[in-house]
Protein backbone atom coordinates (compact mmCIF):
# COMPACT_ATOMS: atom_id res chain seq x y z
CA ALA A 1 110.07 212.27 225.08
CA TRP A 2 111.77 209.09 226.26
CA MET A 3 109.94 207.02 223.65
CA GLU A 4 111.51 209.10 220.86
CA ARG A 5 114.95 207.93 221.98
CA CYS A 6 114.11 204.36 220.95
CA LYS A 7 114.49 204.26 217.20
CA SER A 8 112.14 201.31 216.86
CA LEU A 9 109.32 203.27 218.50
CA VAL A 10 109.52 206.36 216.30
CA LYS A 11 107.29 204.73 213.70
CA ASN A 12 104.89 201.89 214.28
CA PHE A 13 106.02 199.00 212.08
CA GLU A 14 104.57 196.29 214.29
CA ARG A 15 101.67 194.23 213.01
CA THR A 16 100.32 193.16 216.38
CA LEU A 17 99.59 195.04 219.55
CA ALA A 18 101.54 192.44 221.53
CA HIS A 19 104.75 193.17 219.59
CA ALA A 20 104.31 196.93 219.95
CA THR A 21 103.69 196.56 223.68
CA ALA A 22 106.74 194.33 224.08
CA LYS A 23 108.98 196.86 222.33
CA LEU A 24 107.58 199.65 224.49
CA ASN A 25 108.30 197.63 227.63
CA LEU A 26 111.85 196.83 226.50
CA CYS A 27 112.55 200.48 225.78
CA PHE A 28 111.26 201.49 229.21
CA ILE A 29 113.32 198.79 230.94
CA ARG A 30 116.42 199.95 229.06
CA LEU A 31 115.79 203.52 230.21
CA MET A 32 115.38 202.45 233.84
CA LEU A 33 118.56 200.35 233.73
CA LYS A 34 120.52 203.33 232.38
CA ARG A 35 119.19 205.52 235.18
CA LEU A 36 120.08 202.92 237.81
CA ALA A 37 123.59 202.56 236.37
CA ASN A 38 124.18 206.30 236.70
CA GLU A 39 123.42 206.35 240.43
């Protein structure tokens, strides 16, 4: 469900696996930073 919150991950427009993985990592880091900020 958390991946659907990142608009860039809703559809796979990336040409390489490395770019898709990088976007996934950035989205996850953003989510973790938001959770840490709320504590």
